[in-house]
Amino acid sequence: MEDSLKHRDLTDKIIGTFYEIYNELGFGFLESVYENALLIALTEKGIKVGQQIPIPVWFRGKKIGDFVADLIVGDSVIIELKAVRTIQDAHKAQLLNYLRATEIEVGLLLNFGQRPEFKRLAFDNQRKKQQTNNKSLIANLLSES
């Protein structure tokens, strides 16, 4: 079976490390504790990790704010950490917006809740360009009417 998941080797390592941390620390700590643990564990494995990385948000060519990604791994994967009962749609939307605002195509939502859970999200750069083109096309059509 062909594997079409982008950055699968890296995301598998991250998910494995997530479970290592969960097994060692359990649940109940603040999100920042798990973030620091994941930073340490991934760095120990020789994986390049950035922490609390600002992601600018643009509107009509002007910067209007920043998202802050918990971790960005190897310029390839955005990690959003949670320590909540269960992953909600709003958490997935948050990660999807991070992906939409960057050239990064893969994100992991890792929840250190009572039960460990993760979601892998992808947003292809071609799709991002298509959405931008669609918005431009719609704007042009509206201005012509």
N, C-alpha and C. Protein backbone atom coordinates (compact mmCIF):
# COMPACT_ATOMS: atom_id res chain seq x y z
N MET A 1 0.84 -1.18 0.00
CA MET A 1 0.00 0.00 0.00
C MET A 1 0.88 1.25 0.00
N GLU A 2 0.60 2.18 -0.90
CA GLU A 2 1.40 3.39 -1.02
C GLU A 2 1.06 4.36 0.11
N ASP A 3 2.09 4.97 0.67
CA ASP A 3 1.88 5.92 1.76
C ASP A 3 1.91 7.33 1.18
N SER A 4 0.80 8.02 1.23
CA SER A 4 0.73 9.35 0.65
C SER A 4 0.73 10.46 1.70
N LEU A 5 0.93 10.12 2.96
CA LEU A 5 0.94 11.14 4.01
C LEU A 5 2.26 11.91 3.97
N LYS A 6 2.16 13.24 3.87
CA LYS A 6 3.36 14.07 3.87
C LYS A 6 4.01 14.03 5.25
N HIS A 7 5.31 13.97 5.24
CA HIS A 7 6.12 14.00 6.47
C HIS A 7 5.73 12.90 7.46
N ARG A 8 5.36 11.74 6.92
CA ARG A 8 4.90 10.66 7.80
C ARG A 8 5.97 10.21 8.79
N ASP A 9 7.22 10.07 8.34
CA ASP A 9 8.28 9.64 9.26
C ASP A 9 8.39 10.60 10.44
N LEU A 10 8.37 11.89 10.13
CA LEU A 10 8.50 12.90 11.19
C LEU A 10 7.28 12.89 12.10
N THR A 11 6.08 12.85 11.53
CA THR A 11 4.88 12.85 12.39
C THR A 11 4.79 11.58 13.23
N ASP A 12 5.24 10.45 12.68
CA ASP A 12 5.27 9.22 13.48
C ASP A 12 6.20 9.37 14.68
N LYS A 13 7.37 10.01 14.48
CA LYS A 13 8.30 10.24 15.59
C LYS A 13 7.69 11.16 16.64
N ILE A 14 7.02 12.21 16.17
CA ILE A 14 6.39 13.16 17.09
C ILE A 14 5.30 12.47 17.90
N ILE A 15 4.46 11.71 17.23
CA ILE A 15 3.36 11.01 17.92
C ILE A 15 3.92 9.98 18.91
N GLY A 16 4.96 9.26 18.52
CA GLY A 16 5.60 8.32 19.44
C GLY A 16 6.14 9.03 20.67
N THR A 17 6.75 10.20 20.45
CA THR A 17 7.29 10.98 21.56
C THR A 17 6.16 11.51 22.45
N PHE A 18 5.05 11.90 21.84
CA PHE A 18 3.86 12.33 22.58
C PHE A 18 3.43 11.24 23.56
N TYR A 19 3.36 10.00 23.09
CA TYR A 19 2.95 8.90 23.97
C TYR A 19 4.00 8.60 25.04
N GLU A 20 5.27 8.74 24.71
CA GLU A 20 6.33 8.56 25.72
C GLU A 20 6.13 9.55 26.87
N ILE A 21 5.89 10.81 26.51
CA ILE A 21 5.70 11.85 27.52
C ILE A 21 4.44 11.58 28.33
N TYR A 22 3.37 11.21 27.64
CA TYR A 22 2.11 10.93 28.35
C TYR A 22 2.29 9.78 29.34
N ASN A 23 3.00 8.74 28.91
CA ASN A 23 3.23 7.59 29.79
C ASN A 23 4.09 7.96 30.99
N GLU A 24 5.00 8.91 30.80
CA GLU A 24 5.89 9.31 31.89
C GLU A 24 5.24 10.33 32.83
N LEU A 25 4.53 11.31 32.28
CA LEU A 25 3.97 12.39 33.10
C LEU A 25 2.50 12.19 33.45
N GLY A 26 1.77 11.44 32.63
CA GLY A 26 0.34 11.30 32.85
C GLY A 26 -0.40 12.58 32.47
N PHE A 27 -1.61 12.73 32.98
CA PHE A 27 -2.40 13.92 32.66
C PHE A 27 -2.54 14.80 33.90
N GLY A 28 -3.01 16.02 33.69
CA GLY A 28 -3.29 16.90 34.81
C GLY A 28 -2.40 18.12 34.90
N PHE A 29 -1.32 18.17 34.12
CA PHE A 29 -0.45 19.34 34.13
C PHE A 29 -0.98 20.39 33.17
N LEU A 30 -0.44 21.60 33.29
CA LEU A 30 -0.76 22.66 32.34
C LEU A 30 -0.16 22.33 30.98
N GLU A 31 -0.77 22.89 29.95
CA GLU A 31 -0.30 22.70 28.58
C GLU A 31 1.18 23.06 28.44
N SER A 32 1.62 24.12 29.11
CA SER A 32 3.01 24.57 28.99
C SER A 32 4.00 23.52 29.50
N VAL A 33 3.61 22.72 30.48
CA VAL A 33 4.48 21.66 30.99
C VAL A 33 4.71 20.62 29.90
N TYR A 34 3.65 20.22 29.22
CA TYR A 34 3.77 19.23 28.14
C TYR A 34 4.54 19.81 26.95
N GLU A 35 4.32 21.09 26.70
CA GLU A 35 5.05 21.76 25.61
C GLU A 35 6.56 21.72 25.87
N ASN A 36 6.96 22.06 27.09
CA ASN A 36 8.38 22.03 27.44
C ASN A 36 8.94 20.61 27.39
N ALA A 37 8.15 19.64 27.85
CA ALA A 37 8.60 18.24 27.81
C ALA A 37 8.78 17.77 26.37
N LEU A 38 7.85 18.14 25.50
CA LEU A 38 7.95 17.73 24.09
C LEU A 38 9.14 18.40 23.42
N LEU A 39 9.38 19.65 23.74
CA LEU A 39 10.56 20.36 23.22
C LEU A 39 11.84 19.63 23.62
N ILE A 40 11.95 19.27 24.88
CA ILE A 40 13.14 18.57 25.38
C ILE A 40 13.28 17.20 24.71
N ALA A 41 12.21 16.43 24.69
CA ALA A 41 12.27 15.06 24.16
C ALA A 41 12.60 15.04 22.67
N LEU A 42 11.99 15.93 21.89
CA LEU A 42 12.28 15.96 20.45
C LEU A 42 13.71 16.44 20.19
N THR A 43 14.15 17.44 20.95
CA THR A 43 15.52 17.94 20.80
C THR A 43 16.53 16.84 21.13
N GLU A 44 16.25 16.06 22.17
CA GLU A 44 17.13 14.94 22.53
C GLU A 44 17.22 13.92 21.41
N LYS A 45 16.20 13.84 20.58
CA LYS A 45 16.19 12.90 19.45
C LYS A 45 16.82 13.51 18.20
N GLY A 46 17.38 14.71 18.35
CA GLY A 46 18.04 15.37 17.23
C GLY A 46 17.09 16.04 16.25
N ILE A 47 15.88 16.30 16.69
CA ILE A 47 14.88 16.93 15.83
C ILE A 47 14.84 18.42 16.16
N LYS A 48 14.93 19.24 15.11
CA LYS A 48 14.92 20.69 15.27
C LYS A 48 13.50 21.16 15.60
N VAL A 49 13.38 21.93 16.70
CA VAL A 49 12.07 22.38 17.17
C VAL A 49 12.14 23.86 17.55
N GLY A 50 11.15 24.62 17.10
CA GLY A 50 10.99 26.00 17.54
C GLY A 50 9.78 26.08 18.45
N GLN A 51 9.87 26.93 19.48
CA GLN A 51 8.80 27.03 20.48
C GLN A 51 8.19 28.42 20.47
N GLN A 52 6.85 28.47 20.62
CA GLN A 52 6.10 29.73 20.68
C GLN A 52 6.47 30.66 19.50
N ILE A 53 6.25 30.14 18.31
CA ILE A 53 6.61 30.84 17.08
C ILE A 53 5.44 31.70 16.61
N PRO A 54 5.67 33.03 16.47
CA PRO A 54 4.58 33.88 15.97
C PRO A 54 4.34 33.65 14.48
N ILE A 55 3.07 33.59 14.11
CA ILE A 55 2.66 33.44 12.71
C ILE A 55 1.84 34.67 12.36
N PRO A 56 2.36 35.54 11.49
CA PRO A 56 1.62 36.76 11.17
C PRO A 56 0.34 36.49 10.39
N VAL A 57 -0.66 37.31 10.66
CA VAL A 57 -1.93 37.25 9.93
C VAL A 57 -2.05 38.56 9.15
N TRP A 58 -2.34 38.42 7.85
CA TRP A 58 -2.39 39.57 6.96
C TRP A 58 -3.81 39.82 6.46
N PHE A 59 -4.13 41.08 6.28
CA PHE A 59 -5.41 41.48 5.70
C PHE A 59 -5.14 42.66 4.78
N ARG A 60 -5.45 42.47 3.51
CA ARG A 60 -5.25 43.51 2.50
C ARG A 60 -3.85 44.08 2.53
N GLY A 61 -2.88 43.18 2.66
CA GLY A 61 -1.48 43.58 2.63
C GLY A 61 -0.94 44.17 3.91
N LYS A 62 -1.75 44.19 4.95
CA LYS A 62 -1.30 44.74 6.23
C LYS A 62 -1.36 43.67 7.31
N LYS A 63 -0.33 43.67 8.14
CA LYS A 63 -0.30 42.73 9.26
C LYS A 63 -1.30 43.20 10.31
N ILE A 64 -2.21 42.29 10.69
CA ILE A 64 -3.25 42.66 11.66
C ILE A 64 -3.13 41.90 12.98
N GLY A 65 -2.17 41.00 13.06
CA GLY A 65 -2.00 40.25 14.30
C GLY A 65 -1.13 39.04 14.09
N ASP A 66 -1.03 38.25 15.12
CA ASP A 66 -0.22 37.03 15.09
C ASP A 66 -0.98 35.89 15.75
N PHE A 67 -0.83 34.72 15.16
CA PHE A 67 -1.12 33.49 15.86
C PHE A 67 0.19 33.11 16.53
N VAL A 68 0.17 32.28 17.54
CA VAL A 68 1.41 31.78 18.12
C VAL A 68 1.33 30.25 18.14
N ALA A 69 2.19 29.64 17.33
CA ALA A 69 2.24 28.17 17.28
C ALA A 69 3.01 27.67 18.49
N ASP A 70 2.47 26.64 19.15
CA ASP A 70 3.17 26.08 20.31
C ASP A 70 4.56 25.60 19.90
N LEU A 71 4.61 24.72 18.90
CA LEU A 71 5.88 24.19 18.41
C LEU A 71 5.83 24.07 16.89
N ILE A 72 6.96 24.34 16.26
CA ILE A 72 7.11 24.04 14.83
C ILE A 72 8.32 23.12 14.72
N VAL A 73 8.10 21.98 14.10
CA VAL A 73 9.13 20.95 14.02
C VAL A 73 9.70 20.91 12.60
N GLY A 74 11.02 21.15 12.53
CA GLY A 74 11.73 21.02 11.27
C GLY A 74 11.17 21.82 10.12
N ASP A 75 10.53 22.93 10.37
CA ASP A 75 9.91 23.75 9.33
C ASP A 75 8.90 22.95 8.51
N SER A 76 8.40 21.84 9.07
CA SER A 76 7.52 20.94 8.32
C SER A 76 6.20 20.64 9.01
N VAL A 77 6.17 20.72 10.33
CA VAL A 77 4.98 20.31 11.08
C VAL A 77 4.71 21.33 12.19
N ILE A 78 3.48 21.82 12.24
CA ILE A 78 3.05 22.68 13.34
C ILE A 78 2.38 21.79 14.39
N ILE A 79 2.77 21.97 15.64
CA ILE A 79 2.16 21.22 16.73
C ILE A 79 1.37 22.17 17.61
N GLU A 80 0.11 21.85 17.81
CA GLU A 80 -0.74 22.58 18.75
C GLU A 80 -1.05 21.62 19.89
N LEU A 81 -0.71 22.03 21.09
CA LEU A 81 -0.90 21.18 22.27
C LEU A 81 -2.13 21.61 23.05
N LYS A 82 -2.79 20.63 23.61
CA LYS A 82 -3.93 20.87 24.49
C LYS A 82 -3.81 19.97 25.71
N ALA A 83 -4.43 20.40 26.79
CA ALA A 83 -4.55 19.57 28.00
C ALA A 83 -6.00 19.72 28.46
N VAL A 84 -6.89 19.16 27.66
CA VAL A 84 -8.33 19.31 27.86
C VAL A 84 -9.00 17.94 27.88
N ARG A 85 -10.27 17.92 28.24
CA ARG A 85 -11.01 16.65 28.30
C ARG A 85 -10.97 15.92 26.96
N THR A 86 -11.29 16.64 25.89
CA THR A 86 -11.29 16.04 24.56
C THR A 86 -11.07 17.12 23.50
N ILE A 87 -10.55 16.74 22.38
CA ILE A 87 -10.33 17.68 21.28
C ILE A 87 -11.67 18.12 20.72
N GLN A 88 -11.81 19.42 20.56
CA GLN A 88 -13.04 20.02 20.03
C GLN A 88 -12.80 20.54 18.61
N ASP A 89 -13.89 20.81 17.90
CA ASP A 89 -13.78 21.36 16.55
C ASP A 89 -13.03 22.68 16.54
N ALA A 90 -13.21 23.49 17.57
CA ALA A 90 -12.51 24.78 17.66
C ALA A 90 -11.00 24.59 17.71
N HIS A 91 -10.53 23.52 18.34
CA HIS A 91 -9.09 23.24 18.40
C HIS A 91 -8.57 22.88 17.01
N LYS A 92 -9.35 22.07 16.29
CA LYS A 92 -8.96 21.70 14.92
C LYS A 92 -8.95 22.93 14.02
N ALA A 93 -9.94 23.80 14.19
CA ALA A 93 -10.01 25.02 13.38
C ALA A 93 -8.80 25.92 13.66
N GLN A 94 -8.38 25.98 14.91
CA GLN A 94 -7.21 26.78 15.28
C GLN A 94 -5.98 26.29 14.53
N LEU A 95 -5.74 24.98 14.54
CA LEU A 95 -4.59 24.42 13.84
C LEU A 95 -4.71 24.61 12.34
N LEU A 96 -5.89 24.44 11.81
CA LEU A 96 -6.11 24.64 10.38
C LEU A 96 -5.79 26.08 9.97
N ASN A 97 -6.15 27.04 10.81
CA ASN A 97 -5.81 28.44 10.53
C ASN A 97 -4.30 28.66 10.55
N TYR A 98 -3.58 28.00 11.45
CA TYR A 98 -2.13 28.09 11.45
C TYR A 98 -1.57 27.58 10.13
N LEU A 99 -2.09 26.46 9.67
CA LEU A 99 -1.62 25.90 8.40
C LEU A 99 -1.97 26.83 7.25
N ARG A 100 -3.15 27.39 7.28
CA ARG A 100 -3.60 28.30 6.23
C ARG A 100 -2.70 29.54 6.15
N ALA A 101 -2.20 30.00 7.29
CA ALA A 101 -1.41 31.23 7.35
C ALA A 101 0.07 31.01 7.05
N THR A 102 0.48 29.78 6.80
CA THR A 102 1.89 29.47 6.56
C THR A 102 2.05 28.62 5.31
N GLU A 103 3.29 28.34 4.98
CA GLU A 103 3.60 27.41 3.90
C GLU A 103 3.67 25.97 4.42
N ILE A 104 3.51 25.79 5.72
CA ILE A 104 3.55 24.46 6.32
C ILE A 104 2.23 23.75 6.02
N GLU A 105 2.33 22.48 5.61
CA GLU A 105 1.15 21.75 5.15
C GLU A 105 0.61 20.73 6.15
N VAL A 106 1.39 20.41 7.18
CA VAL A 106 0.99 19.35 8.11
C VAL A 106 0.98 19.88 9.54
N GLY A 107 -0.07 19.51 10.27
CA GLY A 107 -0.17 19.90 11.67
C GLY A 107 -0.61 18.74 12.53
N LEU A 108 -0.15 18.74 13.76
CA LEU A 108 -0.58 17.73 14.74
C LEU A 108 -1.21 18.44 15.93
N LEU A 109 -2.37 17.98 16.30
CA LEU A 109 -3.06 18.45 17.49
C LEU A 109 -2.91 17.34 18.53
N LEU A 110 -2.16 17.62 19.59
CA LEU A 110 -1.85 16.62 20.61
C LEU A 110 -2.54 17.01 21.91
N ASN A 111 -3.37 16.13 22.42
CA ASN A 111 -4.10 16.42 23.65
C ASN A 111 -3.62 15.52 24.79
N PHE A 112 -3.09 16.16 25.82
CA PHE A 112 -2.65 15.47 27.03
C PHE A 112 -3.78 15.46 28.05
N GLY A 113 -4.96 15.08 27.64
CA GLY A 113 -6.12 15.01 28.53
C GLY A 113 -6.14 13.71 29.31
N GLN A 114 -7.28 13.42 29.90
CA GLN A 114 -7.41 12.19 30.69
C GLN A 114 -7.09 10.97 29.84
N ARG A 115 -7.46 11.04 28.57
CA ARG A 115 -7.06 10.02 27.59
C ARG A 115 -6.23 10.73 26.53
N PRO A 116 -5.05 10.21 26.22
CA PRO A 116 -4.24 10.87 25.19
C PRO A 116 -4.93 10.74 23.83
N GLU A 117 -4.92 11.81 23.06
CA GLU A 117 -5.47 11.73 21.71
C GLU A 117 -4.73 12.70 20.81
N PHE A 118 -4.73 12.37 19.53
CA PHE A 118 -4.10 13.26 18.56
C PHE A 118 -4.92 13.28 17.28
N LYS A 119 -4.76 14.38 16.56
CA LYS A 119 -5.35 14.54 15.24
C LYS A 119 -4.25 15.04 14.32
N ARG A 120 -4.19 14.47 13.13
CA ARG A 120 -3.24 14.91 12.11
C ARG A 120 -4.04 15.65 11.06
N LEU A 121 -3.68 16.90 10.81
CA LEU A 121 -4.37 17.70 9.80
C LEU A 121 -3.39 18.10 8.70
N ALA A 122 -3.90 18.18 7.49
CA ALA A 122 -3.08 18.61 6.36
C ALA A 122 -3.84 19.64 5.55
N PHE A 123 -3.10 20.62 5.06
CA PHE A 123 -3.68 21.64 4.20
C PHE A 123 -2.66 21.90 3.10
N ASP A 124 -2.91 21.32 1.96
CA ASP A 124 -1.99 21.36 0.83
C ASP A 124 -1.80 22.79 0.32
N ASN A 125 -0.55 23.16 0.02
CA ASN A 125 -0.27 24.50 -0.48
C ASN A 125 -0.99 24.79 -1.79
N GLN A 126 -1.18 23.79 -2.64
CA GLN A 126 -1.93 23.99 -3.88
C GLN A 126 -3.36 24.40 -3.56
N ARG A 127 -3.93 23.79 -2.55
CA ARG A 127 -5.30 24.12 -2.14
C ARG A 127 -5.36 25.54 -1.59
N LYS A 128 -4.33 25.95 -0.84
CA LYS A 128 -4.28 27.31 -0.32
C LYS A 128 -4.28 28.31 -1.47
N LYS A 129 -3.46 28.03 -2.49
CA LYS A 129 -3.39 28.92 -3.65
C LYS A 129 -4.72 28.96 -4.37
N GLN A 130 -5.37 27.81 -4.48
CA GLN A 130 -6.67 27.76 -5.14
C GLN A 130 -7.70 28.61 -4.39
N GLN A 131 -7.69 28.52 -3.06
CA GLN A 131 -8.62 29.32 -2.27
C GLN A 131 -8.35 30.81 -2.46
N THR A 132 -7.06 31.19 -2.50
CA THR A 132 -6.70 32.59 -2.73
C THR A 132 -7.17 33.03 -4.11
N ASN A 133 -6.95 32.17 -5.11
CA ASN A 133 -7.40 32.49 -6.47
C ASN A 133 -8.92 32.61 -6.52
N ASN A 134 -9.63 31.73 -5.82
CA ASN A 134 -11.09 31.80 -5.78
C ASN A 134 -11.56 33.10 -5.14
N LYS A 135 -10.89 33.52 -4.05
CA LYS A 135 -11.27 34.76 -3.40
C LYS A 135 -11.05 35.94 -4.34
N SER A 136 -9.93 35.93 -5.07
CA SER A 136 -9.65 37.01 -6.03
C SER A 136 -10.69 37.02 -7.14
N LEU A 137 -11.04 35.84 -7.63
CA LEU A 137 -12.03 35.73 -8.70
C LEU A 137 -13.38 36.25 -8.22
N ILE A 138 -13.78 35.87 -7.03
CA ILE A 138 -15.06 36.33 -6.47
C ILE A 138 -15.04 37.85 -6.29
N ALA A 139 -13.93 38.38 -5.76
CA ALA A 139 -13.81 39.83 -5.58
C ALA A 139 -13.92 40.56 -6.91
N ASN A 140 -13.27 40.03 -7.95
CA ASN A 140 -13.34 40.64 -9.28
C ASN A 140 -14.76 40.59 -9.82
N LEU A 141 -15.43 39.45 -9.66
CA LEU A 141 -16.80 39.32 -10.14
C LEU A 141 -17.74 40.30 -9.42
N LEU A 142 -17.54 40.44 -8.12
CA LEU A 142 -18.39 41.36 -7.35
C LEU A 142 -18.15 42.81 -7.75
N SER A 143 -16.90 43.15 -8.05
CA SER A 143 -16.60 44.54 -8.42
C SER A 143 -17.13 44.87 -9.82
N GLU A 144 -17.32 43.85 -10.66
CA GLU A 144 -17.83 44.07 -12.01
C GLU A 144 -19.35 44.22 -12.01
N SER A 145 -20.02 43.75 -10.98
CA SER A 145 -21.49 43.79 -10.99
C SER A 145 -22.04 45.07 -10.40
